[in-house]
Amino acid sequence: MIRPDDWLRLATSPVTSQPGKSVLTALGIAIGIAAVTLLTTLGHGVRQYVLDSFSQFGTRIIAITPGHSETAGMAGGLISSVRLLTLDDAEALARITGSEWVVSNVQGSGPVRYGERVRSTEILGTTSDFNQAWDFPLAMGKFLPDTGGNSPAVAVIGDTLYRELFRSENPLGKFIRIGGQRYRVIGVMQPKGSTLGFDLDDMAYIPADRALTLFNREGLMEVDVVFSEGTTSTQMLERIKAVMIKRHGQEDFTLTSQDEMLSSMNRILGILTIGVAALGGISLLVGGVGIFTIMTTNLTERTAEIGLLRAIGCPRRQLLSLFLGEAVMLSLFGAFIGIVITAVVVALLSLLAPAFPVQIQFSTLGLAIAVAVITGLISGIWPAYKSSRLSPIEALRGE
């Protein structure tokens, strides 16, 4: 009978006596642990980043877009809208009970010129509620006026566009040319950063009615309604739908709440996270094959040792546990290396991309370590069973 301290020493001897060989054997498990943990960590970080980007504008939002989309098992086709969204529609939506802000949007791109400096950028035609609805504070000046139509040729520019065109010069009251037309700068937005790869600071804002003319559009791309806290999303959807059907005569529009967008995005990103974790799990399978191979090799190399243990009375059950213990030790050794790799990579990512929310998911790490241990046990079962069945006389004679 082997004492517990001797059992532990014998079980850890393959790792401690041949560290180079042990590292190579455990490398598959280490890569598997690192791959699963890093992929799920990155997946969670991307998910959090996207959800934060969507949520920074609030959750009490309903978007109205032209065309009625129907879902039947998968994303349906877009049916042509009989009537486009207009500024009059936006004004009608602003009169709905519970409507706090209504923003009309027409987006395009083009050159913005000041003197000899020209920058190609995004141009957003919008209305006076924009900066309050989306919490876009001004650094100087004021936002677009509420004229109810026939707006003056004025513009508000983002922080990046301001720095590129005006450098340190005061832009207020100066004239810029947008798409060949002259606009007077009345405001500059505070830095807002980027969302989903879209630079919110590199943009010019002009009145929606002028943008329709500039881009030769007949209707708005989208109307966003921000409703009050005392109103539910369901109530607001019903009110908007009733008003729009009354104006258009049919449901030729699509309503999308921010809750629906966040829920759909959350599901999609959750599935992607599971998918990349499953791909990382393949490395654990490779690590299991490596442990199986090395345990089988050890069985051949240690035949005499096994025979001696059996000759001095070591039970088969304890010999079985000894080989399984060796397999588990190799798995844990690999898991330790994988944890170190993960910690180093996460630390580097935090330094290189501090804005990206990356944090080790300890639940995933614990699950990966458990899977590694199970992989070691499964990989060591056959060599351990084979070693326990060796006859001590035959084993010693073979040596």
Protein backbone atom coordinates (compact mmCIF):
# COMPACT_ATOMS: atom_id res chain seq x y z
CA MET A 1 0.00 0.00 0.00
CA ILE A 2 1.45 3.40 -1.04
CA ARG A 3 1.24 6.17 1.53
CA PRO A 4 -0.53 9.43 0.45
CA ASP A 5 2.70 11.47 0.46
CA ASP A 6 4.46 8.83 -1.64
CA TRP A 7 1.47 8.69 -3.98
CA LEU A 8 1.63 12.47 -4.47
CA ARG A 9 5.39 12.36 -5.10
CA LEU A 10 5.03 9.54 -7.63
CA ALA A 11 2.08 11.25 -9.37
CA THR A 12 3.98 14.53 -9.77
CA SER A 13 7.32 12.96 -10.70
CA PRO A 14 6.63 12.99 -14.49
CA VAL A 15 6.15 16.77 -14.32
CA THR A 16 9.04 17.56 -12.00
CA SER A 17 11.64 15.10 -13.32
CA GLN A 18 11.22 15.97 -17.02
CA PRO A 19 9.93 19.56 -17.19
CA GLY A 20 10.73 20.00 -20.90
CA LYS A 21 8.80 16.92 -21.87
CA SER A 22 5.96 17.90 -19.53
CA VAL A 23 5.72 21.39 -21.05
CA LEU A 24 5.44 19.97 -24.57
CA THR A 25 2.84 17.45 -23.39
CA ALA A 26 0.81 20.07 -21.52
CA LEU A 27 1.08 22.64 -24.33
CA GLY A 28 -2.07 21.36 -26.02
CA ILE A 29 -4.06 21.78 -22.80
CA ALA A 30 -2.44 25.21 -22.22
CA ILE A 31 -3.37 26.43 -25.70
CA GLY A 32 -6.88 25.07 -25.24
CA ILE A 33 -7.34 26.84 -21.91
CA ALA A 34 -5.93 30.10 -23.31
CA ALA A 35 -7.98 29.84 -26.52
CA VAL A 36 -11.29 29.14 -24.77
CA THR A 37 -10.76 31.83 -22.13
CA LEU A 38 -9.44 34.49 -24.51
CA LEU A 39 -12.07 33.90 -27.17
CA THR A 40 -14.92 34.06 -24.66
CA THR A 41 -13.32 37.09 -22.99
CA LEU A 42 -13.00 38.88 -26.34
CA GLY A 43 -16.52 37.82 -27.28
CA HIS A 44 -17.87 39.21 -24.01
CA GLY A 45 -15.84 42.39 -24.53
CA VAL A 46 -17.21 42.88 -28.05
CA ARG A 47 -20.71 42.19 -26.78
CA GLN A 48 -20.35 44.73 -23.97
CA TYR A 49 -18.77 47.28 -26.31
CA VAL A 50 -21.57 46.99 -28.86
CA LEU A 51 -24.31 47.10 -26.23
CA ASP A 52 -22.67 50.10 -24.55
CA SER A 53 -22.43 51.84 -27.93
CA PHE A 54 -26.13 51.28 -28.55
CA SER A 55 -27.11 52.20 -25.02
CA GLN A 56 -25.15 55.46 -24.85
CA PHE A 57 -28.04 57.16 -26.66
CA GLY A 58 -30.60 55.81 -24.20
CA THR A 59 -33.12 52.99 -24.31
CA ARG A 60 -36.35 54.96 -24.63
CA ILE A 61 -36.07 55.18 -28.40
CA ILE A 62 -38.31 54.10 -31.25
CA ALA A 63 -37.07 54.34 -34.84
CA ILE A 64 -39.50 54.79 -37.74
CA THR A 65 -38.15 53.83 -41.16
CA PRO A 66 -39.91 53.81 -44.55
CA GLY A 67 -41.12 50.46 -45.86
CA HIS A 68 -42.90 47.68 -44.00
CA SER A 69 -40.74 44.65 -43.18
CA GLU A 70 -42.43 41.36 -42.30
CA THR A 71 -40.67 38.48 -40.56
CA ALA A 72 -41.50 34.89 -41.44
CA GLY A 73 -38.87 32.54 -40.01
CA MET A 74 -36.09 34.87 -41.18
CA ALA A 75 -35.61 38.49 -42.07
CA GLY A 76 -38.29 39.33 -44.58
CA GLY A 77 -38.07 41.44 -47.67
CA LEU A 78 -38.68 45.15 -47.69
CA ILE A 79 -41.97 46.07 -49.31
CA SER A 80 -41.89 49.36 -51.21
CA SER A 81 -43.27 52.27 -49.29
CA VAL A 82 -46.25 53.96 -50.97
CA ARG A 83 -45.53 57.13 -49.05
CA LEU A 84 -42.14 58.30 -47.81
CA LEU A 85 -41.45 59.70 -44.38
CA THR A 86 -41.68 63.48 -44.34
CA LEU A 87 -41.00 66.35 -41.99
CA ASP A 88 -44.77 66.68 -41.60
CA ASP A 89 -44.83 63.10 -40.27
CA ALA A 90 -42.16 64.06 -37.73
CA GLU A 91 -44.20 67.07 -36.60
CA ALA A 92 -47.26 64.85 -36.14
CA LEU A 93 -45.22 62.39 -34.05
CA ALA A 94 -44.00 65.25 -31.87
CA ARG A 95 -47.61 65.91 -30.84
CA ILE A 96 -48.15 62.36 -29.51
CA THR A 97 -48.65 62.03 -25.76
CA GLY A 98 -45.42 60.88 -24.18
CA SER A 99 -43.23 62.07 -27.05
CA GLU A 100 -40.25 63.92 -25.60
CA TRP A 101 -37.95 64.48 -28.58
CA VAL A 102 -38.40 63.76 -32.28
CA VAL A 103 -35.38 63.67 -34.58
CA SER A 104 -35.57 63.55 -38.39
CA ASN A 105 -32.52 62.18 -40.20
CA VAL A 106 -31.12 62.39 -43.72
CA GLN A 107 -27.55 61.19 -44.11
CA GLY A 108 -25.01 61.52 -46.86
CA SER A 109 -21.39 62.36 -47.44
CA GLY A 110 -19.44 64.98 -49.32
CA PRO A 111 -16.66 67.56 -49.19
CA VAL A 112 -16.69 70.32 -46.59
CA ARG A 113 -14.49 73.29 -47.49
CA TYR A 114 -13.18 76.26 -45.55
CA GLY A 115 -10.78 78.44 -47.47
CA GLU A 116 -8.14 76.17 -48.94
CA ARG A 117 -8.86 73.30 -46.56
CA VAL A 118 -11.19 70.52 -47.72
CA ARG A 119 -12.30 67.42 -45.83
CA SER A 120 -14.59 64.66 -47.10
CA THR A 121 -16.87 63.67 -44.27
CA GLU A 122 -20.35 62.56 -43.25
CA ILE A 123 -23.15 65.09 -43.50
CA LEU A 124 -26.24 64.64 -41.37
CA GLY A 125 -29.44 66.51 -42.06
CA THR A 126 -31.36 66.65 -38.81
CA THR A 127 -33.64 68.76 -36.65
CA SER A 128 -33.31 70.94 -33.58
CA ASP A 129 -34.05 68.13 -31.09
CA PHE A 130 -30.99 66.13 -32.13
CA ASN A 131 -28.41 67.26 -29.57
CA GLN A 132 -30.89 67.04 -26.66
CA ALA A 133 -32.32 63.67 -27.70
CA TRP A 134 -28.90 62.02 -28.09
CA ASP A 135 -27.13 64.02 -25.38
CA PHE A 136 -24.66 65.71 -27.76
CA PRO A 137 -23.54 68.82 -25.83
CA LEU A 138 -22.09 71.84 -27.60
CA ALA A 139 -18.57 73.12 -27.04
CA MET A 140 -19.44 76.54 -28.41
CA GLY A 141 -22.28 78.32 -30.14
CA LYS A 142 -25.75 76.82 -30.52
CA PHE A 143 -27.43 73.94 -32.34
CA LEU A 144 -29.69 74.08 -35.40
CA PRO A 145 -32.75 76.32 -35.00
CA ASP A 146 -36.34 75.08 -34.95
CA THR A 147 -37.82 76.82 -37.97
CA GLY A 148 -40.50 74.32 -38.98
CA GLY A 149 -39.29 74.39 -42.59
CA ASN A 150 -37.44 76.73 -44.96
CA SER A 151 -34.40 76.66 -42.67
CA PRO A 152 -31.48 79.07 -43.05
CA ALA A 153 -28.17 77.81 -44.44
CA VAL A 154 -26.49 77.14 -41.09
CA ALA A 155 -24.31 74.28 -39.91
CA VAL A 156 -22.92 72.76 -36.74
CA ILE A 157 -19.65 70.85 -37.01
CA GLY A 158 -18.10 68.06 -34.98
CA ASP A 159 -14.90 68.43 -32.98
CA THR A 160 -12.67 66.59 -35.48
CA LEU A 161 -14.02 68.56 -38.44
CA TYR A 162 -13.54 71.80 -36.48
CA ARG A 163 -9.89 71.02 -35.71
CA GLU A 164 -9.14 69.92 -39.27
CA LEU A 165 -10.71 72.95 -40.95
CA PHE A 166 -10.23 75.77 -38.47
CA ARG A 167 -7.30 74.61 -36.32
CA SER A 168 -7.30 77.18 -33.48
CA GLU A 169 -9.43 79.77 -35.29
CA ASN A 170 -12.89 80.65 -33.93
CA PRO A 171 -15.35 79.12 -36.43
CA LEU A 172 -18.53 80.86 -35.25
CA GLY A 173 -19.97 83.08 -37.93
CA LYS A 174 -17.54 81.80 -40.57
CA PHE A 175 -18.79 80.34 -43.83
CA ILE A 176 -18.02 76.85 -45.08
CA ARG A 177 -19.09 75.14 -48.29
CA ILE A 178 -20.92 71.80 -48.00
CA GLY A 179 -21.51 70.01 -51.26
CA GLY A 180 -20.87 73.26 -53.09
CA GLN A 181 -23.38 75.27 -51.03
CA ARG A 182 -22.45 77.96 -48.53
CA TYR A 183 -23.35 77.48 -44.83
CA ARG A 184 -22.64 79.66 -41.81
CA VAL A 185 -21.15 77.84 -38.81
CA ILE A 186 -23.22 78.49 -35.69
CA GLY A 187 -21.90 75.78 -33.35
CA VAL A 188 -19.27 73.15 -32.56
CA MET A 189 -20.07 69.87 -30.81
CA GLN A 190 -18.12 68.55 -27.85
CA PRO A 191 -16.02 65.43 -28.54
CA LYS A 192 -18.25 62.36 -28.54
CA GLY A 193 -15.91 59.68 -29.87
CA SER A 194 -16.73 56.77 -32.12
CA THR A 195 -19.42 54.12 -31.99
CA LEU A 196 -19.30 50.87 -33.99
CA GLY A 197 -16.45 52.31 -36.09
CA PHE A 198 -18.42 55.48 -36.91
CA ASP A 199 -16.70 58.75 -35.94
CA LEU A 200 -19.36 60.99 -34.43
CA ASP A 201 -16.95 63.93 -34.28
CA ASP A 202 -16.04 63.95 -37.96
CA MET A 203 -19.41 65.18 -39.14
CA ALA A 204 -21.31 68.26 -40.27
CA TYR A 205 -24.90 68.83 -39.14
CA ILE A 206 -27.30 70.84 -41.31
CA PRO A 207 -31.10 71.32 -41.26
CA ALA A 208 -33.01 68.27 -42.53
CA ASP A 209 -35.01 70.21 -45.15
CA ARG A 210 -31.79 71.57 -46.68
CA ALA A 211 -30.23 68.08 -46.61
CA LEU A 212 -33.19 66.72 -48.61
CA THR A 213 -32.42 69.28 -51.31
CA LEU A 214 -28.66 68.79 -51.08
CA PHE A 215 -28.87 65.01 -51.51
CA ASN A 216 -31.83 65.16 -53.90
CA ARG A 217 -33.98 63.03 -51.61
CA GLU A 218 -37.76 63.00 -51.49
CA GLY A 219 -38.12 61.54 -48.01
CA LEU A 220 -36.35 61.08 -44.71
CA MET A 221 -34.16 58.06 -44.00
CA GLU A 222 -35.43 57.72 -40.45
CA VAL A 223 -37.40 59.45 -37.72
CA ASP A 224 -36.45 58.71 -34.10
CA VAL A 225 -38.82 59.30 -31.22
CA VAL A 226 -37.51 59.53 -27.66
CA PHE A 227 -40.41 59.05 -25.25
CA SER A 228 -40.80 60.06 -21.62
CA GLU A 229 -39.95 57.83 -18.66
CA GLY A 230 -43.59 57.49 -17.64
CA THR A 231 -44.46 55.85 -20.97
CA THR A 232 -43.75 52.22 -21.84
CA SER A 233 -42.28 51.09 -25.13
CA THR A 234 -45.44 49.11 -25.94
CA GLN A 235 -47.70 52.11 -25.35
CA MET A 236 -45.55 54.36 -27.51
CA LEU A 237 -45.38 51.81 -30.33
CA GLU A 238 -49.18 51.63 -30.42
CA ARG A 239 -49.56 55.42 -30.44
CA ILE A 240 -46.99 55.92 -33.19
CA LYS A 241 -48.51 53.15 -35.28
CA ALA A 242 -52.01 54.65 -34.98
CA VAL A 243 -50.82 58.13 -36.01
CA MET A 244 -48.76 56.85 -38.94
CA ILE A 245 -51.54 54.62 -40.30
CA LYS A 246 -53.95 57.54 -40.05
CA ARG A 247 -51.56 59.74 -42.03
CA HIS A 248 -50.43 57.13 -44.61
CA GLY A 249 -53.60 55.09 -44.89
CA GLN A 250 -51.69 51.84 -44.42
CA GLU A 251 -48.77 50.33 -42.52
CA ASP A 252 -46.03 51.24 -44.98
CA PHE A 253 -43.42 51.86 -42.32
CA THR A 254 -41.38 49.87 -39.80
CA LEU A 255 -41.17 50.55 -36.07
CA THR A 256 -38.16 49.34 -34.11
CA SER A 257 -37.70 49.97 -30.42
CA GLN A 258 -34.29 50.22 -28.79
CA ASP A 259 -35.26 47.33 -26.51
CA GLU A 260 -35.77 45.10 -29.56
CA MET A 261 -32.46 46.14 -31.09
CA LEU A 262 -30.56 45.51 -27.86
CA SER A 263 -32.27 42.16 -27.34
CA SER A 264 -31.50 41.00 -30.89
CA MET A 265 -27.91 42.17 -30.67
CA ASN A 266 -27.50 40.46 -27.30
CA ARG A 267 -28.76 37.14 -28.72
CA ILE A 268 -26.54 37.31 -31.79
CA LEU A 269 -23.41 38.17 -29.83
CA GLY A 270 -24.22 35.49 -27.25
CA ILE A 271 -24.38 32.85 -30.00
CA LEU A 272 -21.10 34.10 -31.48
CA THR A 273 -19.43 33.89 -28.06
CA ILE A 274 -20.53 30.28 -27.66
CA GLY A 275 -19.33 29.52 -31.19
CA VAL A 276 -15.82 30.88 -30.68
CA ALA A 277 -15.56 29.09 -27.33
CA ALA A 278 -16.46 25.82 -29.04
CA LEU A 279 -13.71 26.41 -31.62
CA GLY A 280 -11.23 27.01 -28.80
CA GLY A 281 -12.35 23.74 -27.20
CA ILE A 282 -10.83 21.83 -30.13
CA SER A 283 -7.42 22.63 -28.66
CA LEU A 284 -8.43 20.84 -25.47
CA LEU A 285 -9.16 17.74 -27.55
CA VAL A 286 -5.70 18.02 -29.10
CA GLY A 287 -4.22 18.35 -25.60
CA GLY A 288 -6.07 15.21 -24.54
CA VAL A 289 -4.55 13.28 -27.41
CA GLY A 290 -1.10 14.50 -26.33
CA ILE A 291 -1.64 13.34 -22.76
CA PHE A 292 -2.90 9.97 -23.97
CA THR A 293 0.22 9.58 -26.12
CA ILE A 294 2.66 10.50 -23.36
CA MET A 295 0.89 8.31 -20.80
CA THR A 296 1.06 5.36 -23.17
CA THR A 297 4.77 6.05 -23.68
CA ASN A 298 5.31 6.29 -19.93
CA LEU A 299 3.61 2.93 -19.51
CA THR A 300 6.21 1.34 -21.77
CA GLU A 301 9.13 3.13 -20.14
CA ARG A 302 8.03 2.38 -16.57
CA THR A 303 7.13 -1.30 -16.92
CA ALA A 304 9.80 -2.34 -14.42
CA GLU A 305 8.66 0.29 -11.90
CA ILE A 306 5.08 -0.93 -12.22
CA GLY A 307 6.22 -4.53 -11.74
CA LEU A 308 8.16 -3.59 -8.63
CA LEU A 309 5.17 -1.74 -7.15
CA ARG A 310 2.96 -4.73 -7.82
CA ALA A 311 5.59 -7.08 -6.34
CA ILE A 312 5.72 -5.18 -3.02
CA GLY A 313 1.94 -5.32 -2.72
CA CYS A 314 0.61 -2.19 -4.39
CA PRO A 315 -3.10 -2.84 -5.15
CA ARG A 316 -4.32 -2.52 -8.71
CA ARG A 317 -6.81 0.18 -7.65
CA GLN A 318 -4.02 2.32 -6.22
CA LEU A 319 -1.86 1.78 -9.29
CA LEU A 320 -4.82 2.85 -11.41
CA SER A 321 -5.25 6.00 -9.31
CA LEU A 322 -1.50 6.70 -9.59
CA PHE A 323 -1.57 6.83 -13.40
CA LEU A 324 -4.82 8.80 -13.42
CA GLY A 325 -3.22 11.22 -10.97
CA GLU A 326 -0.27 11.69 -13.33
CA ALA A 327 -2.66 12.50 -16.18
CA VAL A 328 -4.54 15.02 -14.02
CA MET A 329 -1.25 16.62 -12.90
CA LEU A 330 -0.24 17.08 -16.53
CA SER A 331 -3.65 18.63 -17.26
CA LEU A 332 -3.37 21.01 -14.29
CA PHE A 333 0.16 21.91 -15.34
CA GLY A 334 -1.17 22.76 -18.80
CA ALA A 335 -4.04 24.71 -17.26
CA PHE A 336 -1.55 26.75 -15.22
CA ILE A 337 0.44 27.62 -18.35
CA GLY A 338 -2.83 28.52 -20.12
CA ILE A 339 -3.85 30.84 -17.27
CA VAL A 340 -0.47 32.61 -17.42
CA ILE A 341 -0.80 33.07 -21.21
CA THR A 342 -4.35 34.40 -20.79
CA ALA A 343 -3.35 36.86 -18.07
CA VAL A 344 -0.46 38.20 -20.16
CA VAL A 345 -2.57 38.66 -23.31
CA VAL A 346 -5.42 40.34 -21.39
CA ALA A 347 -2.93 42.69 -19.71
CA LEU A 348 -1.45 43.63 -23.10
CA LEU A 349 -4.92 44.23 -24.57
CA SER A 350 -5.82 46.45 -21.63
CA LEU A 351 -2.70 48.53 -22.25
CA LEU A 352 -3.05 48.72 -26.03
CA ALA A 353 -6.84 49.26 -26.10
CA PRO A 354 -7.92 50.76 -22.76
CA ALA A 355 -11.33 51.75 -24.14
CA PHE A 356 -12.16 48.15 -25.03
CA PRO A 357 -13.92 46.39 -22.11
CA VAL A 358 -11.82 43.23 -21.80
CA GLN A 359 -11.92 41.27 -18.55
CA ILE A 360 -11.25 37.60 -17.82
CA GLN A 361 -14.45 35.63 -17.36
CA PHE A 362 -13.67 33.56 -14.27
CA SER A 363 -16.72 31.36 -14.77
CA THR A 364 -15.41 30.41 -18.23
CA LEU A 365 -11.90 29.96 -16.85
CA GLY A 366 -13.16 27.64 -14.12
CA LEU A 367 -15.19 25.66 -16.65
CA ALA A 368 -12.17 25.36 -18.96
CA ILE A 369 -9.97 24.08 -16.10
CA ALA A 370 -12.66 21.54 -15.15
CA VAL A 371 -12.83 20.38 -18.78
CA ALA A 372 -9.02 20.12 -18.84
CA VAL A 373 -9.05 17.90 -15.73
CA ILE A 374 -11.78 15.72 -17.23
CA THR A 375 -9.78 15.55 -20.47
CA GLY A 376 -6.74 14.37 -18.48
CA LEU A 377 -8.80 11.72 -16.70
CA ILE A 378 -10.30 10.42 -19.94
CA SER A 379 -6.89 10.45 -21.65
CA GLY A 380 -5.28 8.54 -18.78
CA ILE A 381 -7.98 5.88 -18.30
CA TRP A 382 -6.66 3.39 -20.86
CA PRO A 383 -2.93 3.63 -19.95
CA ALA A 384 -3.85 3.54 -16.24
CA TYR A 385 -6.08 0.51 -16.70
CA LYS A 386 -3.43 -1.25 -18.78
CA SER A 387 -0.75 -0.57 -16.16
CA SER A 388 -2.94 -1.91 -13.36
CA ARG A 389 -3.46 -5.17 -15.28
CA LEU A 390 0.26 -5.87 -15.72
CA SER A 391 1.57 -9.00 -14.03
CA PRO A 392 4.49 -8.13 -11.68
CA ILE A 393 6.48 -11.23 -12.73
CA GLU A 394 6.00 -10.53 -16.45
CA ALA A 395 6.81 -6.85 -15.96
CA LEU A 396 10.06 -7.56 -14.09
CA ARG A 397 11.03 -10.35 -16.49
CA GLY A 398 10.49 -8.07 -19.48
CA GLU A 399 12.84 -5.51 -17.96
